Amino acid sequence: MTQNMKKGKASDIIVVHHKQTKNRRDLSLRIIITEEMRFRQRVVKYAIKHNNNARAARKYHTSRQQVQRWRKRYDGDVRSLALKSRRPRYHPNQHTKEELDLIKHKETF
């Protein structure tokens, strides 16, 4: 156990496991429930109980807007409060499929 974990500063962790299926490779995600996610759940439950995001934000030392975002995402399961990927899905200057094929072909020589 590291010193950071003893202090309760667990970071959000997403673990990716590969599993082999019949003829193709399937990627399954397993989310580890962290202290940060449990904290978010406590904040959301408090805000729901008192029907007041600002009150929950003051009590748990976070912003009202953040509590509002967590409440919007919360579906009753702590896993819904996990961090989401920030990777962009599209970039205007990204290579086309044809360009990627040319790059791969050039690398083989």
C-alpha atoms as a PDB file:
ATOM      1  CA  MET A   1       0.000   0.000   0.000  1.00  0.00           C
ATOM      2  CA  THR A   2       1.470   3.337  -1.006  1.00  0.00           C
ATOM      3  CA  GLN A   3       1.585   6.405   1.169  1.00  0.00           C
ATOM      4  CA  ASN A   4      -0.914   8.230  -1.087  1.00  0.00           C
ATOM      5  CA  MET A   5      -3.411   5.428  -0.638  1.00  0.00           C
ATOM      6  CA  LYS A   6      -3.022   5.583   3.140  1.00  0.00           C
ATOM      7  CA  LYS A   7      -3.997   9.227   3.025  1.00  0.00           C
ATOM      8  CA  GLY A   8      -7.107   8.362   0.997  1.00  0.00           C
ATOM      9  CA  LYS A   9      -6.013  10.031  -2.230  1.00  0.00           C
ATOM     10  CA  ALA A  10      -7.003   7.267  -4.619  1.00  0.00           C
ATOM     11  CA  SER A  11      -7.073   8.257  -8.254  1.00  0.00           C
ATOM     12  CA  ASP A  12      -9.680   7.122 -10.747  1.00  0.00           C
ATOM     13  CA  ILE A  13      -8.520   3.981 -12.475  1.00  0.00           C
ATOM     14  CA  ILE A  14      -9.971   2.325 -15.518  1.00  0.00           C
ATOM     15  CA  VAL A  15      -8.622  -1.133 -16.255  1.00  0.00           C
ATOM     16  CA  VAL A  16      -8.900  -2.623 -19.707  1.00  0.00           C
ATOM     17  CA  HIS A  17      -8.996  -6.396 -20.053  1.00  0.00           C
ATOM     18  CA  HIS A  18      -8.808  -8.230 -23.370  1.00  0.00           C
ATOM     19  CA  LYS A  19     -10.768 -11.417 -23.692  1.00  0.00           C
ATOM     20  CA  GLN A  20     -10.730 -13.809 -26.597  1.00  0.00           C
ATOM     21  CA  THR A  21     -14.085 -14.718 -28.149  1.00  0.00           C
ATOM     22  CA  LYS A  22     -14.858 -17.215 -30.911  1.00  0.00           C
ATOM     23  CA  ASN A  23     -13.323 -15.585 -34.002  1.00  0.00           C
ATOM     24  CA  ARG A  24     -12.681 -12.004 -33.020  1.00  0.00           C
ATOM     25  CA  ARG A  25     -11.082 -10.107 -30.256  1.00  0.00           C
ATOM     26  CA  ASP A  26     -13.490  -8.426 -27.860  1.00  0.00           C
ATOM     27  CA  LEU A  27     -12.501  -5.521 -25.649  1.00  0.00           C
ATOM     28  CA  SER A  28     -14.312  -5.398 -22.341  1.00  0.00           C
ATOM     29  CA  LEU A  29     -13.925  -2.606 -19.786  1.00  0.00           C
ATOM     30  CA  ARG A  30     -14.004  -3.173 -16.089  1.00  0.00           C
ATOM     31  CA  ILE A  31     -14.188  -0.093 -13.939  1.00  0.00           C
ATOM     32  CA  ILE A  32     -12.613  -0.192 -10.521  1.00  0.00           C
ATOM     33  CA  ILE A  33     -14.690   1.679  -7.968  1.00  0.00           C
ATOM     34  CA  THR A  34     -12.458   4.254  -6.309  1.00  0.00           C
ATOM     35  CA  GLU A  35     -12.748   6.525  -3.295  1.00  0.00           C
ATOM     36  CA  GLU A  36     -13.289   9.458  -5.641  1.00  0.00           C
ATOM     37  CA  MET A  37     -16.344   7.750  -7.136  1.00  0.00           C
ATOM     38  CA  ARG A  38     -17.696   6.935  -3.674  1.00  0.00           C
ATOM     39  CA  PHE A  39     -17.183  10.575  -2.682  1.00  0.00           C
ATOM     40  CA  ARG A  40     -19.154  11.709  -5.732  1.00  0.00           C
ATOM     41  CA  GLN A  41     -21.930   9.287  -4.857  1.00  0.00           C
ATOM     42  CA  ARG A  42     -22.124  10.653  -1.293  1.00  0.00           C
ATOM     43  CA  VAL A  43     -22.349  14.215  -2.645  1.00  0.00           C
ATOM     44  CA  VAL A  44     -25.070  13.284  -5.134  1.00  0.00           C
ATOM     45  CA  LYS A  45     -27.111  11.362  -2.562  1.00  0.00           C
ATOM     46  CA  TYR A  46     -26.905  14.310  -0.159  1.00  0.00           C
ATOM     47  CA  ALA A  47     -27.981  16.709  -2.932  1.00  0.00           C
ATOM     48  CA  ILE A  48     -30.895  14.456  -3.886  1.00  0.00           C
ATOM     49  CA  LYS A  49     -31.979  13.989  -0.255  1.00  0.00           C
ATOM     50  CA  HIS A  50     -32.035  17.733   0.418  1.00  0.00           C
ATOM     51  CA  ASN A  51     -32.953  18.694  -3.169  1.00  0.00           C
ATOM     52  CA  ASN A  52     -30.276  21.390  -3.067  1.00  0.00           C
ATOM     53  CA  ASN A  53     -27.042  21.294  -5.101  1.00  0.00           C
ATOM     54  CA  ALA A  54     -25.597  24.431  -3.476  1.00  0.00           C
ATOM     55  CA  ARG A  55     -26.019  23.014   0.020  1.00  0.00           C
ATOM     56  CA  ALA A  56     -24.270  19.771  -0.992  1.00  0.00           C
ATOM     57  CA  ALA A  57     -21.470  21.744  -2.645  1.00  0.00           C
ATOM     58  CA  ARG A  58     -20.875  23.802   0.486  1.00  0.00           C
ATOM     59  CA  LYS A  59     -20.903  20.743   2.740  1.00  0.00           C
ATOM     60  CA  TYR A  60     -18.475  18.748   0.559  1.00  0.00           C
ATOM     61  CA  HIS A  61     -16.310  21.694  -0.576  1.00  0.00           C
ATOM     62  CA  THR A  62     -16.960  21.486  -4.296  1.00  0.00           C
ATOM     63  CA  SER A  63     -18.795  23.677  -6.795  1.00  0.00           C
ATOM     64  CA  ARG A  64     -22.523  23.764  -7.344  1.00  0.00           C
ATOM     65  CA  GLN A  65     -21.988  23.261 -11.084  1.00  0.00           C
ATOM     66  CA  GLN A  66     -19.960  20.110 -10.453  1.00  0.00           C
ATOM     67  CA  VAL A  67     -22.682  18.691  -8.218  1.00  0.00           C
ATOM     68  CA  GLN A  68     -25.202  19.466 -10.958  1.00  0.00           C
ATOM     69  CA  ARG A  69     -23.098  17.599 -13.561  1.00  0.00           C
ATOM     70  CA  TRP A  70     -22.711  14.583 -11.253  1.00  0.00           C
ATOM     71  CA  ARG A  71     -26.464  14.512 -10.546  1.00  0.00           C
ATOM     72  CA  LYS A  72     -27.187  14.573 -14.271  1.00  0.00           C
ATOM     73  CA  ARG A  73     -24.898  11.570 -14.854  1.00  0.00           C
ATOM     74  CA  TYR A  74     -25.916   9.577 -11.776  1.00  0.00           C
ATOM     75  CA  ASP A  75     -28.253   6.667 -12.529  1.00  0.00           C
ATOM     76  CA  GLY A  76     -28.241   5.026  -9.095  1.00  0.00           C
ATOM     77  CA  ASP A  77     -24.988   3.138  -9.681  1.00  0.00           C
ATOM     78  CA  VAL A  78     -21.595   4.394  -8.510  1.00  0.00           C
ATOM     79  CA  ARG A  79     -20.033   3.300 -11.837  1.00  0.00           C
ATOM     80  CA  SER A  80     -21.990   6.004 -13.647  1.00  0.00           C
ATOM     81  CA  LEU A  81     -19.790   8.575 -11.856  1.00  0.00           C
ATOM     82  CA  ALA A  82     -16.514   7.220 -13.299  1.00  0.00           C
ATOM     83  CA  LEU A  83     -14.298   9.484 -15.340  1.00  0.00           C
ATOM     84  CA  LYS A  84     -15.086   9.526 -19.038  1.00  0.00           C
ATOM     85  CA  SER A  85     -12.542   9.645 -21.821  1.00  0.00           C
ATOM     86  CA  ARG A  86     -11.535  13.106 -23.012  1.00  0.00           C
ATOM     87  CA  ARG A  87     -10.083  11.780 -26.253  1.00  0.00           C
ATOM     88  CA  PRO A  88     -11.559  13.616 -29.242  1.00  0.00           C
ATOM     89  CA  ARG A  89     -13.584  11.467 -31.603  1.00  0.00           C
ATOM     90  CA  TYR A  90     -12.721  13.545 -34.631  1.00  0.00           C
ATOM     91  CA  HIS A  91     -10.085  16.066 -35.652  1.00  0.00           C
ATOM     92  CA  PRO A  92     -10.409  18.240 -38.777  1.00  0.00           C
ATOM     93  CA  ASN A  93      -6.774  17.604 -39.796  1.00  0.00           C
ATOM     94  CA  GLN A  94      -6.676  13.870 -39.211  1.00  0.00           C
ATOM     95  CA  HIS A  95      -5.470  11.527 -41.942  1.00  0.00           C
ATOM     96  CA  THR A  96      -7.990   9.915 -44.268  1.00  0.00           C
ATOM     97  CA  LYS A  97      -8.235   6.131 -44.572  1.00  0.00           C
ATOM     98  CA  GLU A  98      -6.335   6.263 -47.885  1.00  0.00           C
ATOM     99  CA  GLU A  99      -3.519   8.317 -46.347  1.00  0.00           C
ATOM    100  CA  LEU A 100      -3.224   5.880 -43.442  1.00  0.00           C
ATOM    101  CA  ASP A 101      -2.995   2.958 -45.892  1.00  0.00           C
ATOM    102  CA  LEU A 102      -0.194   4.749 -47.780  1.00  0.00           C
ATOM    103  CA  ILE A 103       1.676   5.387 -44.530  1.00  0.00           C
ATOM    104  CA  LYS A 104       1.360   1.743 -43.488  1.00  0.00           C
ATOM    105  CA  HIS A 105       2.456   0.592 -46.943  1.00  0.00           C
ATOM    106  CA  LYS A 106       5.502   2.900 -46.857  1.00  0.00           C
ATOM    107  CA  GLU A 107       6.540   1.554 -43.432  1.00  0.00           C
ATOM    108  CA  THR A 108       6.702  -2.023 -44.723  1.00  0.00           C
ATOM    109  CA  PHE A 109       9.533  -1.166 -47.137  1.00  0.00           C
END
